[in-house]
Amino acid sequence: MSVSVVLFTGDLRLHDHPPLCAAAEGGRQVVPLFVRDTAVERAGFAVTNRTAFLADCLRDLDVGLRERGGRLIVRTGDVVDQVCAVAAAADADEIHMAADGSAFAHRREERLRRALEGEGRRLHVHDTVTTVVPPGTVTPAASDHFAVFTPYFRRWSEHRLREPLRAPRSVPVPDRIPSEEPPSRARLTGLAPGLAAGGEREGRKRMTAWLRDGVLDYADRHDDLAADATSRLSPHLHFGTLSPVELVHRARRTGGPGAEAFVRQLAWRDFHRQVLAARPGAATADYRTRGDHWRSEDEARGDIEAWQEGRTGYPLVDAAMRQMRHEGWMHNRGRLLTASFLTKTLYVDWRVGARHFLRLLVDGDVANNQLNWQWVAGTGTDSRPHRVLNPVAQGRRYDPDGAYVRRWVPELAGLRGPSVHEPWTSRNRDAVAAGYPEPVIGLREGLERFERARGLL
C-alpha cells in the first residue's frame, strides 16, 4: 500500500486540512508527523506559554487521530532530517505540508524539497491552510504586495474561497514508525496562571459559542475592555487548531455588522502576512523608517521595567500589561495602547516591546506582532504615523466605569468611574497609599519629546 507523510506545522487540526485530505486520497496510509524543531528553540521562539498551548494541541491531535484508527508521530530535531528519516522508515513517496509565508518557513521548505527530491520523493505544499488568501495572491498593479489595508481588504473580499473540507473518517497509520510521547504542559513551569487550554476540540467549542452569541455584538463592543467581547480565537488561529477559511465561511453565514467586522480582523491577519512575505526584513527593521533615534535600553531601563511590570502609574497601561502577564494574552485595544505608550510616550524602540510581547503572548505571531508594533510606532503601514494614544482618554472611552482597571490593578479597587484612569493627583492619594506608583513621566513631557524627535516641533 502507498504511504504519504503529512508534516503538521501551524495547522494542528483534522477539520478542513487540505494536506491531510490529499495524503489520504486513494486509500493511502498516512504518517501524521509533527517535529519539535530544535531551530525554533535555539531562536528563542519556543517560550513557555506557547510551548504549553502547543502541548495541549498535540495531545488533542493525537486523540483525534486515534479515534480514526491512527496516531500522531512526534519527533524532536532538525525538521529536514526527521522528515527524511520518517519517510524512509515508512517508504513514503509523498510528503504533504501547509504553505507558510515567513522567510524561516521558505528556507525550511526549500531545504526539505531538495533533500526529498534527492531521495526520489515528492513534496506537495498546500495553500489556504493557515491563511484565508495566500500571500502574493492578491496584489496591486505596480507592486508585489499591498502596503495599505483598505484596498487590500477590498480585493481580499472579492477573492473566491475554497469550500472547507470535512475531517477524515479514517487515518490508517503504519505500525512500524516509532514516536516520542506527545509533550504535556504539566511538566512545564513558569506558565501564566490564567493561560487558556489549547487543542482543536477547545478551539471548535470556542468558535461555535462565539459565532452563536458573541459575534452578533462584535462591531459595537470589540473595544469594550471590561466586557471582554472579543473572540479569543487568536491562539487557535496561530496554532492552526481552527481553519481561517472555515471561520470566514461560518462568520459570513452568520451575517450582520458584527460578523462583517470580525471578518475584517481576519483580513488584517492575512494583510500582515502578505506584507512580511514580500518584505521579510520587516520582522526586525522598519518597514518605513522615520529616522528615529530611540532612547537606548540602558538609558530607558527603569521605564522599560515599569512598563513590563505594569507599574507605569497609568492605570489602563498597567492593567493591560498585568493581564498579559496573568493570561499570556491581552485585549487588542490594550495592545495598541501599551505599544503606543512605550514607543511614543516613553520613546523606546518598538523592537524592545515586540520582544517582550513574544516572550509572553500565547498567540505570539511574528507577522502580526512585529507589524502591529510597527503600525503603532509609526514605522509600518499606518497612514498616520505620528498619532499618539492618550492612556487617560483611552480609559475614559473604552473602560468608562473603570471595571477593567480594577480587575487587573487591585490597588485601585476603591476608586470608581472615570477617575480611576487618572494618574496620581491630589484627588486620589488613596491609590498612592495603597502602593500604586506615581507616573513614570508626564504625558505632555512624553509627547513633546516624541514630537521633537520626529521633527514635528
Protein backbone atom coordinates (compact mmCIF):
# COMPACT_ATOMS: atom_id res chain seq x y z
CA MET A 1 0.00 0.00 0.00
CA SER A 2 1.26 3.51 -0.87
CA VAL A 3 2.20 5.77 2.04
CA SER A 4 2.16 9.55 2.43
CA VAL A 5 3.61 11.70 5.21
CA VAL A 6 1.74 14.77 6.45
CA LEU A 7 4.02 17.28 8.17
CA PHE A 8 1.97 19.31 10.64
CA THR A 9 3.34 22.77 11.45
CA GLY A 10 0.96 25.66 12.22
CA ASP A 11 -2.09 23.59 11.27
CA LEU A 12 -2.77 21.30 14.26
CA ARG A 13 -6.27 20.11 13.38
CA LEU A 14 -8.22 17.47 11.49
CA HIS A 15 -11.10 19.60 10.15
CA ASP A 16 -10.51 21.47 6.88
CA HIS A 17 -6.97 20.19 6.45
CA PRO A 18 -6.07 20.03 2.73
CA PRO A 19 -2.66 18.32 3.21
CA LEU A 20 -4.21 15.52 5.29
CA CYS A 21 -7.10 15.00 2.88
CA ALA A 22 -4.76 14.94 -0.12
CA ALA A 23 -2.40 12.50 1.60
CA ALA A 24 -5.24 10.06 2.32
CA GLU A 25 -6.64 10.07 -1.25
CA GLY A 26 -6.94 6.68 -2.89
CA GLY A 27 -6.86 4.77 0.40
CA ARG A 28 -3.21 5.56 1.12
CA GLN A 29 -1.71 5.01 4.53
CA VAL A 30 -0.74 8.25 6.22
CA VAL A 31 2.02 9.16 8.66
CA PRO A 32 0.86 12.28 10.59
CA LEU A 33 4.13 13.84 11.75
CA PHE A 34 5.00 16.75 14.00
CA VAL A 35 8.64 17.69 14.52
CA ARG A 36 9.62 19.70 17.59
CA ASP A 37 12.05 21.87 15.69
CA THR A 38 15.26 22.50 17.61
CA ALA A 39 15.93 25.53 15.39
CA VAL A 40 12.80 27.17 16.82
CA GLU A 41 14.05 26.52 20.33
CA ARG A 42 17.52 27.89 19.54
CA ALA A 43 15.91 31.04 18.14
CA GLY A 44 14.14 31.57 21.47
CA PHE A 45 10.66 31.33 19.99
CA ALA A 46 9.60 28.25 21.98
CA VAL A 47 8.62 30.25 25.09
CA THR A 48 6.76 28.66 27.97
CA ASN A 49 3.21 29.85 27.30
CA ARG A 50 3.27 28.83 23.65
CA THR A 51 5.02 25.56 24.49
CA ALA A 52 2.22 24.72 26.93
CA PHE A 53 -0.51 25.58 24.44
CA LEU A 54 1.33 23.57 21.77
CA ALA A 55 1.45 20.57 24.12
CA ASP A 56 -2.34 20.74 24.51
CA CYS A 57 -2.73 20.93 20.74
CA LEU A 58 -0.50 17.93 20.05
CA ARG A 59 -2.19 15.74 22.67
CA ASP A 60 -5.62 16.67 21.32
CA LEU A 61 -4.50 15.97 17.76
CA ASP A 62 -3.19 12.58 18.84
CA VAL A 63 -6.53 11.76 20.49
CA GLY A 64 -8.43 12.77 17.35
CA LEU A 65 -6.19 10.62 15.17
CA ARG A 66 -6.54 7.61 17.48
CA GLU A 67 -10.33 7.91 17.24
CA ARG A 68 -9.82 7.47 13.49
CA GLY A 69 -7.53 4.48 13.78
CA GLY A 70 -4.28 6.39 13.65
CA ARG A 71 -1.87 8.27 15.90
CA LEU A 72 0.43 11.26 15.84
CA ILE A 73 4.13 10.66 15.29
CA VAL A 74 6.21 13.14 17.30
CA ARG A 75 9.93 13.64 16.75
CA THR A 76 12.48 16.18 18.01
CA GLY A 77 15.37 17.56 15.98
CA ASP A 78 16.04 19.18 12.64
CA VAL A 79 12.85 19.15 10.57
CA VAL A 80 14.51 18.07 7.33
CA ASP A 81 16.45 15.25 8.99
CA GLN A 82 13.39 13.96 10.83
CA VAL A 83 11.02 14.11 7.84
CA CYS A 84 13.52 12.28 5.67
CA ALA A 85 14.06 9.63 8.35
CA VAL A 86 10.32 9.05 8.84
CA ALA A 87 9.67 8.99 5.09
CA ALA A 88 12.41 6.39 4.65
CA ALA A 89 11.12 4.25 7.52
CA ALA A 90 7.59 4.34 6.09
CA ASP A 91 8.76 4.01 2.46
CA ALA A 92 6.62 7.05 1.70
CA ASP A 93 6.72 8.55 -1.78
CA GLU A 94 4.79 11.76 -0.99
CA ILE A 95 5.09 14.38 1.74
CA HIS A 96 2.35 16.99 2.23
CA MET A 97 2.55 20.19 4.24
CA ALA A 98 0.95 23.64 4.54
CA ALA A 99 2.46 26.74 2.97
CA ASP A 100 3.81 29.46 5.23
CA GLY A 101 4.86 32.91 4.09
CA SER A 102 7.67 33.56 6.56
CA ALA A 103 11.29 33.64 5.45
CA PHE A 104 12.13 30.93 8.00
CA ALA A 105 9.42 28.65 6.59
CA HIS A 106 10.54 29.26 3.00
CA ARG A 107 14.11 28.29 3.83
CA ARG A 108 12.89 25.16 5.62
CA GLU A 109 10.63 24.24 2.72
CA GLU A 110 13.40 24.58 0.14
CA ARG A 111 15.82 22.52 2.22
CA LEU A 112 13.18 19.86 2.61
CA ARG A 113 12.30 19.83 -1.08
CA ARG A 114 15.92 19.37 -2.12
CA ALA A 115 16.52 16.59 0.39
CA LEU A 116 13.37 14.69 -0.59
CA GLU A 117 13.95 15.03 -4.32
CA GLY A 118 17.40 13.60 -3.78
CA GLU A 119 15.69 10.53 -2.34
CA GLY A 120 13.11 10.30 -5.13
CA ARG A 121 10.21 11.63 -3.04
CA ARG A 122 7.79 14.47 -3.83
CA LEU A 123 6.92 17.41 -1.61
CA HIS A 124 3.42 18.91 -2.00
CA VAL A 125 2.85 22.33 -0.41
CA HIS A 126 -0.77 23.41 0.07
CA ASP A 127 -2.09 26.97 0.22
CA THR A 128 -5.08 28.30 2.23
CA VAL A 129 -4.32 26.14 5.27
CA THR A 130 -3.02 28.81 7.63
CA THR A 131 -4.41 31.86 5.77
CA VAL A 132 -7.67 32.74 4.05
CA VAL A 133 -5.93 34.18 1.00
CA PRO A 134 -2.30 33.15 0.43
CA PRO A 135 0.38 35.86 0.40
CA GLY A 136 1.06 37.04 -3.15
CA THR A 137 -2.37 36.03 -4.47
CA VAL A 138 -3.90 39.49 -4.14
CA THR A 139 -1.54 42.22 -5.39
CA PRO A 140 -1.83 45.76 -6.78
CA ALA A 141 -0.85 46.53 -10.35
CA ALA A 142 2.52 48.11 -9.60
CA SER A 143 3.79 46.15 -6.59
CA ASP A 144 4.24 42.68 -5.19
CA HIS A 145 2.08 43.46 -2.14
CA PHE A 146 -0.41 45.92 -0.71
CA ALA A 147 1.05 48.46 1.72
CA VAL A 148 -2.35 49.92 2.67
CA PHE A 149 -5.05 47.79 4.26
CA THR A 150 -8.25 49.27 2.77
CA PRO A 151 -7.53 48.49 -0.91
CA TYR A 152 -6.15 45.12 0.14
CA PHE A 153 -9.33 44.33 2.04
CA ARG A 154 -11.44 45.30 -0.97
CA ARG A 155 -9.60 42.82 -3.20
CA TRP A 156 -9.37 40.22 -0.43
CA SER A 157 -13.15 40.34 0.00
CA GLU A 158 -13.66 39.64 -3.71
CA HIS A 159 -11.43 36.56 -3.68
CA ARG A 160 -13.35 33.31 -4.10
CA LEU A 161 -12.72 30.97 -1.18
CA ARG A 162 -12.50 27.22 -1.44
CA GLU A 163 -15.07 25.20 0.48
CA PRO A 164 -13.96 23.77 3.85
CA LEU A 165 -13.10 20.06 3.92
CA ARG A 166 -14.51 17.54 6.35
CA ALA A 167 -12.28 15.77 8.83
CA PRO A 168 -11.32 12.31 7.51
CA ARG A 169 -13.26 9.39 8.97
CA SER A 170 -10.23 7.13 8.95
CA VAL A 171 -6.48 7.78 9.10
CA PRO A 172 -4.65 4.45 8.75
CA VAL A 173 -1.10 4.81 10.04
CA PRO A 174 1.68 2.23 9.56
CA ASP A 175 2.55 0.35 12.76
CA ARG A 176 6.31 0.37 12.31
CA ILE A 177 7.01 4.09 12.82
CA PRO A 178 8.37 4.90 16.32
CA SER A 179 7.26 8.08 18.08
CA GLU A 180 8.04 10.13 21.15
CA GLU A 181 5.26 10.69 23.63
CA PRO A 182 3.40 13.97 22.93
CA PRO A 183 4.55 16.69 25.36
CA SER A 184 2.47 17.74 28.37
CA ARG A 185 2.02 21.18 29.90
CA ALA A 186 2.03 19.51 33.33
CA ARG A 187 5.81 19.20 33.03
CA LEU A 188 6.34 22.92 32.43
CA THR A 189 6.98 25.64 34.98
CA GLY A 190 6.57 29.39 34.79
CA LEU A 191 3.26 29.36 32.93
CA ALA A 192 0.91 32.32 33.00
CA PRO A 193 -1.61 31.40 35.75
CA GLY A 194 -4.62 32.10 33.57
CA LEU A 195 -3.30 30.52 30.35
CA ALA A 196 -6.16 29.13 28.23
CA ALA A 197 -6.34 25.50 27.13
CA GLY A 198 -5.27 24.55 23.62
CA GLY A 199 -6.35 21.92 21.13
CA GLU A 200 -8.80 21.57 18.26
CA ARG A 201 -11.72 20.48 20.43
CA GLU A 202 -11.33 23.53 22.64
CA GLY A 203 -10.94 25.76 19.59
CA ARG A 204 -14.05 24.44 17.88
CA LYS A 205 -16.04 24.78 21.08
CA ARG A 206 -14.96 28.42 21.40
CA MET A 207 -15.68 29.07 17.72
CA THR A 208 -19.19 27.65 17.95
CA ALA A 209 -20.02 29.65 21.07
CA TRP A 210 -18.55 32.82 19.57
CA LEU A 211 -20.49 32.55 16.30
CA ARG A 212 -23.68 31.71 18.17
CA ASP A 213 -23.55 34.57 20.68
CA GLY A 214 -20.50 36.84 20.79
CA VAL A 215 -20.06 37.87 17.15
CA LEU A 216 -23.51 39.48 16.95
CA ASP A 217 -22.40 42.49 19.04
CA TYR A 218 -18.77 42.50 17.94
CA ALA A 219 -18.98 45.67 15.85
CA ASP A 220 -20.28 47.65 18.84
CA ARG A 221 -18.37 46.01 21.69
CA HIS A 222 -14.99 44.83 20.40
CA ASP A 223 -13.19 47.78 22.03
CA ASP A 224 -15.04 47.46 25.36
CA LEU A 225 -12.20 46.38 27.62
CA ALA A 226 -14.27 45.36 30.63
CA ALA A 227 -16.80 43.40 28.54
CA ASP A 228 -14.07 41.15 27.12
CA ALA A 229 -16.20 40.95 23.99
CA THR A 230 -13.60 39.64 21.53
CA SER A 231 -13.43 36.07 20.23
CA ARG A 232 -10.18 35.00 21.96
CA LEU A 233 -9.63 32.72 18.97
CA SER A 234 -6.21 34.18 18.10
CA PRO A 235 -4.20 31.41 19.83
CA HIS A 236 -6.18 28.79 17.92
CA LEU A 237 -5.56 30.58 14.62
CA HIS A 238 -1.86 30.87 15.48
CA PHE A 239 -1.51 27.12 16.11
CA GLY A 240 -3.97 26.20 13.37
CA THR A 241 -6.44 24.32 15.54
CA LEU A 242 -9.04 26.33 13.63
CA SER A 243 -9.16 26.87 9.89
CA PRO A 244 -9.30 30.57 8.94
CA VAL A 245 -11.13 29.60 5.73
CA GLU A 246 -13.83 27.74 7.67
CA LEU A 247 -14.07 30.60 10.16
CA VAL A 248 -14.72 33.17 7.40
CA HIS A 249 -17.34 30.93 5.77
CA ARG A 250 -19.18 30.40 9.03
CA ALA A 251 -18.98 34.06 10.08
CA ARG A 252 -20.38 35.17 6.72
CA ARG A 253 -23.25 32.72 7.10
CA THR A 254 -23.98 34.25 10.50
CA GLY A 255 -24.20 37.67 8.85
CA GLY A 256 -24.72 41.13 10.32
CA PRO A 257 -22.41 44.02 11.19
CA GLY A 258 -20.66 42.02 13.91
CA ALA A 259 -19.70 39.23 11.55
CA GLU A 260 -18.52 41.74 8.94
CA ALA A 261 -16.31 43.48 11.50
CA PHE A 262 -14.92 40.14 12.66
CA VAL A 263 -14.09 39.02 9.11
CA ARG A 264 -12.28 42.32 8.62
CA GLN A 265 -9.99 41.39 11.53
CA LEU A 266 -9.20 38.06 9.85
CA ALA A 267 -8.29 40.03 6.74
CA TRP A 268 -5.84 42.12 8.82
CA ARG A 269 -4.14 38.85 9.76
CA ASP A 270 -3.69 37.96 6.07
CA PHE A 271 -2.64 41.54 5.27
CA HIS A 272 0.27 41.39 7.69
CA ARG A 273 1.34 38.01 6.34
CA GLN A 274 1.43 39.26 2.75
CA VAL A 275 3.48 42.29 3.84
CA LEU A 276 6.00 40.14 5.68
CA ALA A 277 6.17 37.57 2.87
CA ALA A 278 7.09 40.37 0.45
CA ARG A 279 9.35 42.22 2.91
CA PRO A 280 10.80 39.61 5.30
CA GLY A 281 13.24 42.17 6.68
CA ALA A 282 10.31 43.96 8.33
CA ALA A 283 10.45 41.35 11.09
CA THR A 284 13.36 43.30 12.55
CA ALA A 285 13.77 46.51 10.52
CA ASP A 286 11.47 49.48 9.97
CA TYR A 287 9.10 48.96 7.06
CA ARG A 288 9.11 52.75 6.64
CA THR A 289 11.85 54.46 8.60
CA ARG A 290 11.10 57.74 10.36
CA GLY A 291 14.72 58.45 11.26
CA ASP A 292 14.09 57.69 14.92
CA HIS A 293 16.93 57.81 17.43
CA TRP A 294 15.26 55.78 20.16
CA ARG A 295 16.41 56.04 23.75
CA SER A 296 18.93 53.32 24.50
CA GLU A 297 17.82 50.39 26.61
CA ASP A 298 20.33 51.37 29.29
CA GLU A 299 19.02 54.93 29.42
CA ALA A 300 15.38 53.80 29.49
CA ARG A 301 15.85 50.69 31.64
CA GLY A 302 13.78 51.91 34.58
CA ASP A 303 10.92 52.97 32.33
CA ILE A 304 11.04 49.70 30.39
CA GLU A 305 10.90 47.64 33.58
CA ALA A 306 8.00 49.71 34.92
CA TRP A 307 6.16 49.14 31.63
CA GLN A 308 6.85 45.40 31.65
CA GLU A 309 5.70 45.03 35.26
CA GLY A 310 2.57 47.16 34.87
CA ARG A 311 3.78 49.91 37.20
CA THR A 312 3.92 52.98 34.96
CA GLY A 313 1.43 54.95 37.05
CA TYR A 314 -1.06 54.99 34.17
CA PRO A 315 -3.84 52.60 35.21
CA LEU A 316 -5.01 51.41 31.81
CA VAL A 317 -1.47 50.71 30.59
CA ASP A 318 -0.71 48.83 33.80
CA ALA A 319 -3.96 46.83 33.68
CA ALA A 320 -3.24 45.61 30.15
CA MET A 321 0.34 44.65 30.94
CA ARG A 322 -0.76 42.73 34.02
CA GLN A 323 -3.45 40.94 32.03
CA MET A 324 -0.79 39.71 29.61
CA ARG A 325 1.42 38.50 32.43
CA HIS A 326 -1.50 36.59 34.02
CA GLU A 327 -3.16 35.17 30.91
CA GLY A 328 -0.49 35.15 28.22
CA TRP A 329 -3.00 37.16 26.21
CA MET A 330 -4.07 40.80 26.01
CA HIS A 331 -7.13 42.59 24.66
CA ASN A 332 -6.39 44.17 21.28
CA ARG A 333 -7.22 47.69 22.49
CA GLY A 334 -4.73 47.11 25.31
CA ARG A 335 -2.08 46.03 22.81
CA LEU A 336 -2.47 49.24 20.84
CA LEU A 337 -2.36 51.42 23.94
CA THR A 338 0.61 49.76 25.63
CA ALA A 339 2.60 49.81 22.39
CA SER A 340 1.84 53.50 21.85
CA PHE A 341 2.86 54.28 25.42
CA LEU A 342 6.22 52.51 25.10
CA THR A 343 7.15 53.86 21.67
CA LYS A 344 5.70 57.36 21.70
CA THR A 345 5.33 58.40 25.34
CA LEU A 346 8.49 56.68 26.62
CA TYR A 347 10.20 56.84 23.18
CA VAL A 348 11.59 53.32 23.36
CA ASP A 349 12.35 51.25 20.25
CA TRP A 350 9.37 49.16 19.13
CA ARG A 351 11.62 46.08 18.92
CA VAL A 352 12.03 46.15 22.72
CA GLY A 353 8.27 45.91 23.14
CA ALA A 354 7.83 43.35 20.36
CA ARG A 355 10.37 41.04 22.02
CA HIS A 356 8.60 41.31 25.37
CA PHE A 357 5.23 40.52 23.80
CA LEU A 358 6.69 37.48 22.05
CA ARG A 359 8.08 36.23 25.36
CA LEU A 360 4.60 36.15 26.92
CA LEU A 361 1.85 36.00 24.29
CA VAL A 362 0.37 32.59 23.59
CA ASP A 363 -0.73 33.89 20.19
CA GLY A 364 2.68 35.46 19.52
CA ASP A 365 2.91 35.52 15.74
CA VAL A 366 5.86 37.16 14.01
CA ALA A 367 3.81 38.79 11.23
CA ASN A 368 1.02 40.14 13.41
CA ASN A 369 3.21 41.04 16.37
CA GLN A 370 6.02 42.80 14.54
CA LEU A 371 3.85 44.62 12.02
CA ASN A 372 1.27 45.69 14.59
CA TRP A 373 4.09 47.08 16.70
CA GLN A 374 5.40 48.98 13.68
CA TRP A 375 1.91 50.22 12.84
CA VAL A 376 1.64 51.74 16.32
CA ALA A 377 5.20 53.05 16.33
CA GLY A 378 4.60 54.78 13.00
CA THR A 379 7.30 52.86 11.15
CA GLY A 380 4.90 50.42 9.47
CA THR A 381 1.81 50.73 7.29
CA ASP A 382 -0.16 53.27 9.35
CA SER A 383 -1.16 56.30 7.27
CA ARG A 384 -0.99 58.46 10.43
CA PRO A 385 2.49 57.59 11.72
CA HIS A 386 2.61 60.30 14.39
CA ARG A 387 -0.63 59.53 16.22
CA VAL A 388 -0.26 59.10 19.99
CA LEU A 389 -2.83 57.28 22.12
CA ASN A 390 -3.51 59.06 25.39
CA PRO A 391 -3.98 56.43 28.15
CA VAL A 392 -6.31 58.63 30.21
CA ALA A 393 -8.56 59.47 27.26
CA GLN A 394 -8.49 55.86 26.07
CA GLY A 395 -9.54 54.69 29.53
CA ARG A 396 -12.45 57.08 29.71
CA ARG A 397 -13.61 55.96 26.28
CA TYR A 398 -13.10 52.19 26.41
CA ASP A 399 -13.35 51.49 30.15
CA PRO A 400 -15.64 54.30 31.36
CA ASP A 401 -16.63 52.63 34.62
CA GLY A 402 -13.07 51.54 35.39
CA ALA A 403 -14.07 47.87 35.71
CA TYR A 404 -11.17 46.62 33.56
CA VAL A 405 -8.62 48.61 35.56
CA ARG A 406 -10.00 47.48 38.90
CA ARG A 407 -9.91 43.85 37.71
CA TRP A 408 -6.19 43.95 36.98
CA VAL A 409 -4.91 46.70 39.29
CA PRO A 410 -6.28 45.81 42.72
CA GLU A 411 -4.52 48.82 44.31
CA LEU A 412 -7.21 50.93 42.64
CA ALA A 413 -10.18 48.78 43.59
CA GLY A 414 -11.55 51.50 45.86
CA LEU A 415 -11.89 54.05 43.04
CA ARG A 416 -15.00 54.30 40.86
CA GLY A 417 -15.87 55.78 37.49
CA PRO A 418 -13.58 57.54 35.02
CA SER A 419 -11.39 58.98 37.77
CA VAL A 420 -9.76 55.56 38.09
CA HIS A 421 -7.87 56.33 34.88
CA GLU A 422 -6.21 59.45 36.24
CA PRO A 423 -2.57 59.12 37.25
CA TRP A 424 -1.69 60.08 40.81
CA THR A 425 -3.04 63.50 41.74
CA SER A 426 -4.16 65.16 44.93
CA ARG A 427 -7.60 63.66 44.24
CA ASN A 428 -6.56 60.03 44.56
CA ARG A 429 -3.91 59.93 47.24
CA ASP A 430 -5.55 56.74 48.50
CA ALA A 431 -4.19 54.96 45.43
CA VAL A 432 -0.66 56.01 46.29
CA ALA A 433 -1.19 54.94 49.89
CA ALA A 434 -2.21 51.51 48.58
CA GLY A 435 1.14 51.16 46.84
CA TYR A 436 0.25 52.36 43.36
CA PRO A 437 3.14 54.30 41.80
CA GLU A 438 3.31 57.84 40.57
CA PRO A 439 3.58 58.25 36.77
CA VAL A 440 6.98 57.49 35.26
CA ILE A 441 6.55 60.55 33.04
CA GLY A 442 4.04 63.32 32.39
CA LEU A 443 2.03 62.86 29.21
CA ARG A 444 2.84 66.36 27.97
CA GLU A 445 6.56 65.79 28.57
CA GLY A 446 6.47 62.50 26.71
CA LEU A 447 4.55 64.00 23.79
CA GLU A 448 6.96 66.92 23.45
CA ARG A 449 9.97 64.58 23.47
CA PHE A 450 8.40 62.41 20.77
CA GLU A 451 7.42 65.35 18.59
CA ARG A 452 10.89 66.85 18.86
CA ALA A 453 12.44 63.51 17.93
CA ARG A 454 10.19 63.24 14.87
CA GLY A 455 10.86 66.85 13.86
CA LEU A 456 7.26 67.89 14.45
CA LEU A 457 8.10 70.86 16.69
